[in-house]
Amino acid sequence: MCSPCTTKSCSLATRRGSVKAICPFHVDTDPSLSIDLDKGTWYCHGCAIGGGVVTFFQKIAQRDKRTVTRAEAFPYLRARYA
């Protein structure tokens, strides 16, 4: 997962070789969001959801009351973070 994409949505902390964060999708006091920057995947143990960069972007948009299709997400992410 691209680092700029995740750092704008949640603060990151490295633990035991993996990146953990406070999940931006639910009320969270302990880091429950695991991010694998090499594989480009994420998983929240509190929400029991996960995916890739596009899925994360779509969930952030959904949280902000917007709908973003995969077709809309790719050009935006490519222009912003490539």
PDB file of N, CA and C in Angstrom:
ATOM      1  N   MET A   1       0.854  -1.164   0.000  1.00  0.00           N
ATOM      2  CA  MET A   1       0.000   0.000   0.000  1.00  0.00           C
ATOM      3  C   MET A   1       0.899   1.225   0.000  1.00  0.00           C
ATOM      4  N   CYS A   2       0.534   2.208  -0.742  1.00  0.00           N
ATOM      5  CA  CYS A   2       1.405   3.381  -0.823  1.00  0.00           C
ATOM      6  C   CYS A   2       1.377   4.148   0.492  1.00  0.00           C
ATOM      7  N   SER A   3       2.535   4.478   0.985  1.00  0.00           N
ATOM      8  CA  SER A   3       2.660   5.143   2.263  1.00  0.00           C
ATOM      9  C   SER A   3       1.913   6.478   2.331  1.00  0.00           C
ATOM     10  N   PRO A   4       2.005   7.366   1.321  1.00  0.00           N
ATOM     11  CA  PRO A   4       1.275   8.635   1.428  1.00  0.00           C
ATOM     12  C   PRO A   4      -0.226   8.441   1.552  1.00  0.00           C
ATOM     13  N   CYS A   5      -0.758   7.413   0.906  1.00  0.00           N
ATOM     14  CA  CYS A   5      -2.194   7.153   0.954  1.00  0.00           C
ATOM     15  C   CYS A   5      -2.633   6.803   2.367  1.00  0.00           C
ATOM     16  N   THR A   6      -1.860   5.980   3.056  1.00  0.00           N
ATOM     17  CA  THR A   6      -2.242   5.567   4.397  1.00  0.00           C
ATOM     18  C   THR A   6      -1.920   6.619   5.442  1.00  0.00           C
ATOM     19  N   THR A   7      -0.830   7.339   5.311  1.00  0.00           N
ATOM     20  CA  THR A   7      -0.446   8.305   6.337  1.00  0.00           C
ATOM     21  C   THR A   7      -1.378   9.504   6.387  1.00  0.00           C
ATOM     22  N   LYS A   8      -2.078   9.816   5.317  1.00  0.00           N
ATOM     23  CA  LYS A   8      -3.036  10.919   5.345  1.00  0.00           C
ATOM     24  C   LYS A   8      -4.307  10.526   6.102  1.00  0.00           C
ATOM     25  N   SER A   9      -4.558   9.221   6.248  1.00  0.00           N
ATOM     26  CA  SER A   9      -5.789   8.744   6.862  1.00  0.00           C
ATOM     27  C   SER A   9      -5.617   8.224   8.280  1.00  0.00           C
ATOM     28  N   CYS A  10      -4.417   7.842   8.650  1.00  0.00           N
ATOM     29  CA  CYS A  10      -4.177   7.303   9.982  1.00  0.00           C
ATOM     30  C   CYS A  10      -2.693   7.392  10.305  1.00  0.00           C
ATOM     31  N   SER A  11      -2.376   7.496  11.603  1.00  0.00           N
ATOM     32  CA  SER A  11      -0.968   7.566  11.989  1.00  0.00           C
ATOM     33  C   SER A  11      -0.395   6.151  12.061  1.00  0.00           C
ATOM     34  N   LEU A  12       0.843   5.998  11.618  1.00  0.00           N
ATOM     35  CA  LEU A  12       1.471   4.695  11.509  1.00  0.00           C
ATOM     36  C   LEU A  12       2.509   4.478  12.596  1.00  0.00           C
ATOM     37  N   ALA A  13       2.660   3.219  13.012  1.00  0.00           N
ATOM     38  CA  ALA A  13       3.695   2.826  13.965  1.00  0.00           C
ATOM     39  C   ALA A  13       4.219   1.459  13.557  1.00  0.00           C
ATOM     40  N   THR A  14       5.541   1.287  13.618  1.00  0.00           N
ATOM     41  CA  THR A  14       6.131   0.009  13.252  1.00  0.00           C
ATOM     42  C   THR A  14       6.272  -0.851  14.498  1.00  0.00           C
ATOM     43  N   ARG A  15       5.805  -2.082  14.386  1.00  0.00           N
ATOM     44  CA  ARG A  15       5.923  -3.047  15.487  1.00  0.00           C
ATOM     45  C   ARG A  15       6.302  -4.401  14.918  1.00  0.00           C
ATOM     46  N   ARG A  16       7.382  -4.947  15.432  1.00  0.00           N
ATOM     47  CA  ARG A  16       7.828  -6.290  15.052  1.00  0.00           C
ATOM     48  C   ARG A  16       7.846  -6.510  13.549  1.00  0.00           C
ATOM     49  N   GLY A  17       8.320  -5.543  12.824  1.00  0.00           N
ATOM     50  CA  GLY A  17       8.450  -5.680  11.379  1.00  0.00           C
ATOM     51  C   GLY A  17       7.199  -5.417  10.586  1.00  0.00           C
ATOM     52  N   SER A  18       6.062  -5.191  11.252  1.00  0.00           N
ATOM     53  CA  SER A  18       4.835  -4.860  10.524  1.00  0.00           C
ATOM     54  C   SER A  18       4.382  -3.454  10.909  1.00  0.00           C
ATOM     55  N   VAL A  19       3.600  -2.850  10.073  1.00  0.00           N
ATOM     56  CA  VAL A  19       3.111  -1.499  10.343  1.00  0.00           C
ATOM     57  C   VAL A  19       1.708  -1.606  10.918  1.00  0.00           C
ATOM     58  N   LYS A  20       1.496  -0.961  12.045  1.00  0.00           N
ATOM     59  CA  LYS A  20       0.199  -0.952  12.718  1.00  0.00           C
ATOM     60  C   LYS A  20      -0.303   0.482  12.796  1.00  0.00           C
ATOM     61  N   ALA A  21      -1.620   0.634  12.834  1.00  0.00           N
ATOM     62  CA  ALA A  21      -2.203   1.972  12.915  1.00  0.00           C
ATOM     63  C   ALA A  21      -3.552   1.915  13.623  1.00  0.00           C
ATOM     64  N   ILE A  22      -3.989   3.067  14.078  1.00  0.00           N
ATOM     65  CA  ILE A  22      -5.346   3.214  14.592  1.00  0.00           C
ATOM     66  C   ILE A  22      -6.267   3.200  13.372  1.00  0.00           C
ATOM     67  N   CYS A  23      -7.276   2.360  13.399  1.00  0.00           N
ATOM     68  CA  CYS A  23      -8.178   2.231  12.241  1.00  0.00           C
ATOM     69  C   CYS A  23      -9.037   3.487  12.078  1.00  0.00           C
ATOM     70  N   PRO A  24      -9.082   4.045  10.863  1.00  0.00           N
ATOM     71  CA  PRO A  24      -9.910   5.229  10.638  1.00  0.00           C
ATOM     72  C   PRO A  24     -11.384   4.900  10.398  1.00  0.00           C
ATOM     73  N   PHE A  25     -11.743   3.611  10.421  1.00  0.00           N
ATOM     74  CA  PHE A  25     -13.111   3.204  10.093  1.00  0.00           C
ATOM     75  C   PHE A  25     -13.979   2.887  11.298  1.00  0.00           C
ATOM     76  N   HIS A  26     -13.396   2.792  12.482  1.00  0.00           N
ATOM     77  CA  HIS A  26     -14.175   2.573  13.696  1.00  0.00           C
ATOM     78  C   HIS A  26     -13.453   3.222  14.877  1.00  0.00           C
ATOM     79  N   VAL A  27     -14.167   3.373  15.988  1.00  0.00           N
ATOM     80  CA  VAL A  27     -13.563   3.941  17.192  1.00  0.00           C
ATOM     81  C   VAL A  27     -12.533   2.944  17.691  1.00  0.00           C
ATOM     82  N   ASP A  28     -11.309   3.395  17.796  1.00  0.00           N
ATOM     83  CA  ASP A  28     -10.196   2.504  18.082  1.00  0.00           C
ATOM     84  C   ASP A  28      -9.236   3.198  19.043  1.00  0.00           C
ATOM     85  N   THR A  29      -8.845   2.525  20.113  1.00  0.00           N
ATOM     86  CA  THR A  29      -7.869   3.106  21.034  1.00  0.00           C
ATOM     87  C   THR A  29      -6.502   2.445  20.896  1.00  0.00           C
ATOM     88  N   ASP A  30      -6.479   1.194  20.466  1.00  0.00           N
ATOM     89  CA  ASP A  30      -5.232   0.478  20.225  1.00  0.00           C
ATOM     90  C   ASP A  30      -5.105   0.197  18.733  1.00  0.00           C
ATOM     91  N   PRO A  31      -3.904   0.214  18.202  1.00  0.00           N
ATOM     92  CA  PRO A  31      -3.731  -0.060  16.769  1.00  0.00           C
ATOM     93  C   PRO A  31      -4.265  -1.444  16.394  1.00  0.00           C
ATOM     94  N   SER A  32      -5.246  -1.478  15.524  1.00  0.00           N
ATOM     95  CA  SER A  32      -5.810  -2.750  15.066  1.00  0.00           C
ATOM     96  C   SER A  32      -5.694  -2.903  13.550  1.00  0.00           C
ATOM     97  N   LEU A  33      -5.197  -1.872  12.888  1.00  0.00           N
ATOM     98  CA  LEU A  33      -5.049  -1.886  11.435  1.00  0.00           C
ATOM     99  C   LEU A  33      -3.618  -2.297  11.090  1.00  0.00           C
ATOM    100  N   SER A  34      -3.481  -3.430  10.401  1.00  0.00           N
ATOM    101  CA  SER A  34      -2.173  -3.913   9.951  1.00  0.00           C
ATOM    102  C   SER A  34      -2.003  -3.552   8.489  1.00  0.00           C
ATOM    103  N   ILE A  35      -0.852  -2.979   8.148  1.00  0.00           N
ATOM    104  CA  ILE A  35      -0.584  -2.557   6.778  1.00  0.00           C
ATOM    105  C   ILE A  35       0.713  -3.200   6.316  1.00  0.00           C
ATOM    106  N   ASP A  36       0.655  -3.877   5.185  1.00  0.00           N
ATOM    107  CA  ASP A  36       1.841  -4.465   4.571  1.00  0.00           C
ATOM    108  C   ASP A  36       2.188  -3.612   3.360  1.00  0.00           C
ATOM    109  N   LEU A  37       3.163  -2.724   3.509  1.00  0.00           N
ATOM    110  CA  LEU A  37       3.516  -1.797   2.434  1.00  0.00           C
ATOM    111  C   LEU A  37       4.137  -2.513   1.233  1.00  0.00           C
ATOM    112  N   ASP A  38       4.814  -3.634   1.462  1.00  0.00           N
ATOM    113  CA  ASP A  38       5.414  -4.379   0.356  1.00  0.00           C
ATOM    114  C   ASP A  38       4.361  -5.060  -0.510  1.00  0.00           C
ATOM    115  N   LYS A  39       3.357  -5.647   0.120  1.00  0.00           N
ATOM    116  CA  LYS A  39       2.300  -6.342  -0.625  1.00  0.00           C
ATOM    117  C   LYS A  39       1.195  -5.398  -1.086  1.00  0.00           C
ATOM    118  N   GLY A  40       1.112  -4.231  -0.460  1.00  0.00           N
ATOM    119  CA  GLY A  40       0.059  -3.287  -0.815  1.00  0.00           C
ATOM    120  C   GLY A  40      -1.291  -3.698  -0.260  1.00  0.00           C
ATOM    121  N   THR A  41      -1.286  -4.324   0.941  1.00  0.00           N
ATOM    122  CA  THR A  41      -2.536  -4.780   1.537  1.00  0.00           C
ATOM    123  C   THR A  41      -2.691  -4.235   2.947  1.00  0.00           C
ATOM    124  N   TRP A  42      -3.931  -4.271   3.428  1.00  0.00           N
ATOM    125  CA  TRP A  42      -4.244  -3.842   4.779  1.00  0.00           C
ATOM    126  C   TRP A  42      -5.330  -4.742   5.338  1.00  0.00           C
ATOM    127  N   TYR A  43      -5.392  -4.836   6.669  1.00  0.00           N
ATOM    128  CA  TYR A  43      -6.440  -5.603   7.331  1.00  0.00           C
ATOM    129  C   TYR A  43      -6.672  -5.012   8.711  1.00  0.00           C
ATOM    130  N   CYS A  44      -7.933  -4.767   9.041  1.00  0.00           N
ATOM    131  CA  CYS A  44      -8.288  -4.286  10.377  1.00  0.00           C
ATOM    132  C   CYS A  44      -8.847  -5.467  11.168  1.00  0.00           C
ATOM    133  N   HIS A  45      -8.200  -5.771  12.286  1.00  0.00           N
ATOM    134  CA  HIS A  45      -8.634  -6.879  13.129  1.00  0.00           C
ATOM    135  C   HIS A  45      -9.895  -6.514  13.911  1.00  0.00           C
ATOM    136  N   GLY A  46     -10.163  -5.236  14.096  1.00  0.00           N
ATOM    137  CA  GLY A  46     -11.380  -4.795  14.775  1.00  0.00           C
ATOM    138  C   GLY A  46     -12.604  -4.836  13.864  1.00  0.00           C
ATOM    139  N   CYS A  47     -12.436  -4.387  12.635  1.00  0.00           N
ATOM    140  CA  CYS A  47     -13.529  -4.365  11.654  1.00  0.00           C
ATOM    141  C   CYS A  47     -13.677  -5.702  10.925  1.00  0.00           C
ATOM    142  N   ALA A  48     -12.599  -6.479  10.903  1.00  0.00           N
ATOM    143  CA  ALA A  48     -12.528  -7.732  10.130  1.00  0.00           C
ATOM    144  C   ALA A  48     -12.720  -7.468   8.641  1.00  0.00           C
ATOM    145  N   ILE A  49     -12.118  -6.369   8.169  1.00  0.00           N
ATOM    146  CA  ILE A  49     -12.126  -6.050   6.740  1.00  0.00           C
ATOM    147  C   ILE A  49     -10.704  -5.736   6.298  1.00  0.00           C
ATOM    148  N   GLY A  50     -10.466  -5.844   5.019  1.00  0.00           N
ATOM    149  CA  GLY A  50      -9.147  -5.546   4.483  1.00  0.00           C
ATOM    150  C   GLY A  50      -9.196  -5.472   2.979  1.00  0.00           C
ATOM    151  N   GLY A  51      -8.041  -5.304   2.372  1.00  0.00           N
ATOM    152  CA  GLY A  51      -7.963  -5.223   0.919  1.00  0.00           C
ATOM    153  C   GLY A  51      -6.675  -4.578   0.484  1.00  0.00           C
ATOM    154  N   GLY A  52      -6.744  -3.933  -0.668  1.00  0.00           N
ATOM    155  CA  GLY A  52      -5.579  -3.275  -1.242  1.00  0.00           C
ATOM    156  C   GLY A  52      -5.729  -1.764  -1.203  1.00  0.00           C
ATOM    157  N   VAL A  53      -4.915  -1.113  -1.975  1.00  0.00           N
ATOM    158  CA  VAL A  53      -4.891   0.352  -2.001  1.00  0.00           C
ATOM    159  C   VAL A  53      -6.237   0.920  -2.443  1.00  0.00           C
ATOM    160  N   VAL A  54      -6.793   0.359  -3.503  1.00  0.00           N
ATOM    161  CA  VAL A  54      -8.065   0.879  -4.031  1.00  0.00           C
ATOM    162  C   VAL A  54      -9.188   0.682  -3.017  1.00  0.00           C
ATOM    163  N   THR A  55      -9.224  -0.487  -2.383  1.00  0.00           N
ATOM    164  CA  THR A  55     -10.254  -0.750  -1.375  1.00  0.00           C
ATOM    165  C   THR A  55     -10.133   0.225  -0.211  1.00  0.00           C
ATOM    166  N   PHE A  56      -8.903   0.502   0.230  1.00  0.00           N
ATOM    167  CA  PHE A  56      -8.684   1.458   1.318  1.00  0.00           C
ATOM    168  C   PHE A  56      -9.191   2.838   0.915  1.00  0.00           C
ATOM    169  N   PHE A  57      -8.858   3.258  -0.298  1.00  0.00           N
ATOM    170  CA  PHE A  57      -9.304   4.558  -0.807  1.00  0.00           C
ATOM    171  C   PHE A  57     -10.837   4.610  -0.864  1.00  0.00           C
ATOM    172  N   GLN A  58     -11.466   3.528  -1.321  1.00  0.00           N
ATOM    173  CA  GLN A  58     -12.924   3.482  -1.401  1.00  0.00           C
ATOM    174  C   GLN A  58     -13.555   3.546  -0.007  1.00  0.00           C
ATOM    175  N   LYS A  59     -12.966   2.854   0.985  1.00  0.00           N
ATOM    176  CA  LYS A  59     -13.495   2.888   2.346  1.00  0.00           C
ATOM    177  C   LYS A  59     -13.361   4.284   2.957  1.00  0.00           C
ATOM    178  N   ILE A  60     -12.254   4.972   2.685  1.00  0.00           N
ATOM    179  CA  ILE A  60     -12.090   6.347   3.170  1.00  0.00           C
ATOM    180  C   ILE A  60     -13.160   7.245   2.549  1.00  0.00           C
ATOM    181  N   ALA A  61     -13.387   7.082   1.253  1.00  0.00           N
ATOM    182  CA  ALA A  61     -14.419   7.875   0.571  1.00  0.00           C
ATOM    183  C   ALA A  61     -15.801   7.569   1.152  1.00  0.00           C
ATOM    184  N   GLN A  62     -16.077   6.300   1.394  1.00  0.00           N
ATOM    185  CA  GLN A  62     -17.365   5.889   1.961  1.00  0.00           C
ATOM    186  C   GLN A  62     -17.543   6.487   3.357  1.00  0.00           C
ATOM    187  N   ARG A  63     -16.482   6.483   4.148  1.00  0.00           N
ATOM    188  CA  ARG A  63     -16.528   7.089   5.486  1.00  0.00           C
ATOM    189  C   ARG A  63     -16.874   8.566   5.401  1.00  0.00           C
ATOM    190  N   ASP A  64     -16.387   9.228   4.348  1.00  0.00           N
ATOM    191  CA  ASP A  64     -16.637  10.651   4.139  1.00  0.00           C
ATOM    192  C   ASP A  64     -17.906  10.909   3.326  1.00  0.00           C
ATOM    193  N   LYS A  65     -18.758   9.883   3.215  1.00  0.00           N
ATOM    194  CA  LYS A  65     -20.064   9.978   2.529  1.00  0.00           C
ATOM    195  C   LYS A  65     -19.943  10.220   1.033  1.00  0.00           C
ATOM    196  N   ARG A  66     -18.897   9.649   0.421  1.00  0.00           N
ATOM    197  CA  ARG A  66     -18.721   9.735  -1.029  1.00  0.00           C
ATOM    198  C   ARG A  66     -18.678   8.320  -1.586  1.00  0.00           C
ATOM    199  N   THR A  67     -19.061   8.168  -2.835  1.00  0.00           N
ATOM    200  CA  THR A  67     -18.975   6.883  -3.509  1.00  0.00           C
ATOM    201  C   THR A  67     -17.931   6.984  -4.612  1.00  0.00           C
ATOM    202  N   VAL A  68     -16.977   6.055  -4.603  1.00  0.00           N
ATOM    203  CA  VAL A  68     -15.919   6.036  -5.605  1.00  0.00           C
ATOM    204  C   VAL A  68     -15.852   4.626  -6.182  1.00  0.00           C
ATOM    205  N   THR A  69     -15.987   4.515  -7.487  1.00  0.00           N
ATOM    206  CA  THR A  69     -15.858   3.216  -8.135  1.00  0.00           C
ATOM    207  C   THR A  69     -14.380   2.900  -8.334  1.00  0.00           C
ATOM    208  N   ARG A  70     -14.085   1.629  -8.611  1.00  0.00           N
ATOM    209  CA  ARG A  70     -12.695   1.239  -8.890  1.00  0.00           C
ATOM    210  C   ARG A  70     -12.174   2.007 -10.103  1.00  0.00           C
ATOM    211  N   ALA A  71     -13.023   2.180 -11.107  1.00  0.00           N
ATOM    212  CA  ALA A  71     -12.613   2.898 -12.325  1.00  0.00           C
ATOM    213  C   ALA A  71     -12.264   4.352 -12.018  1.00  0.00           C
ATOM    214  N   GLU A  72     -12.945   4.965 -11.067  1.00  0.00           N
ATOM    215  CA  GLU A  72     -12.643   6.344 -10.676  1.00  0.00           C
ATOM    216  C   GLU A  72     -11.414   6.417  -9.773  1.00  0.00           C
ATOM    217  N   ALA A  73     -11.198   5.390  -8.983  1.00  0.00           N
ATOM    218  CA  ALA A  73     -10.103   5.398  -8.015  1.00  0.00           C
ATOM    219  C   ALA A  73      -8.732   5.305  -8.674  1.00  0.00           C
ATOM    220  N   PHE A  74      -8.584   4.463  -9.678  1.00  0.00           N
ATOM    221  CA  PHE A  74      -7.268   4.254 -10.298  1.00  0.00           C
ATOM    222  C   PHE A  74      -6.644   5.539 -10.843  1.00  0.00           C
ATOM    223  N   PRO A  75      -7.341   6.311 -11.690  1.00  0.00           N
ATOM    224  CA  PRO A  75      -6.707   7.536 -12.199  1.00  0.00           C
ATOM    225  C   PRO A  75      -6.376   8.544 -11.090  1.00  0.00           C
ATOM    226  N   TYR A  76      -7.254   8.644 -10.094  1.00  0.00           N
ATOM    227  CA  TYR A  76      -7.006   9.575  -9.001  1.00  0.00           C
ATOM    228  C   TYR A  76      -5.757   9.166  -8.223  1.00  0.00           C
ATOM    229  N   LEU A  77      -5.660   7.899  -7.848  1.00  0.00           N
ATOM    230  CA  LEU A  77      -4.515   7.424  -7.086  1.00  0.00           C
ATOM    231  C   LEU A  77      -3.223   7.515  -7.893  1.00  0.00           C
ATOM    232  N   ARG A  78      -3.305   7.194  -9.175  1.00  0.00           N
ATOM    233  CA  ARG A  78      -2.118   7.259 -10.037  1.00  0.00           C
ATOM    234  C   ARG A  78      -1.632   8.698 -10.140  1.00  0.00           C
ATOM    235  N   ALA A  79      -2.527   9.647 -10.331  1.00  0.00           N
ATOM    236  CA  ALA A  79      -2.131  11.048 -10.467  1.00  0.00           C
ATOM    237  C   ALA A  79      -1.612  11.615  -9.145  1.00  0.00           C
ATOM    238  N   ARG A  80      -2.199  11.184  -8.051  1.00  0.00           N
ATOM    239  CA  ARG A  80      -1.847  11.767  -6.757  1.00  0.00           C
ATOM    240  C   ARG A  80      -0.604  11.153  -6.120  1.00  0.00           C
ATOM    241  N   TYR A  81      -0.417   9.843  -6.296  1.00  0.00           N
ATOM    242  CA  TYR A  81       0.645   9.157  -5.550  1.00  0.00           C
ATOM    243  C   TYR A  81       1.708   8.480  -6.396  1.00  0.00           C
ATOM    244  N   ALA A  82       1.574   8.483  -7.697  1.00  0.00           N
ATOM    245  CA  ALA A  82       2.574   7.799  -8.532  1.00  0.00           C
ATOM    246  C   ALA A  82       3.838   8.603  -8.684  1.00  0.00           C
TER     247      ALA A  82
END
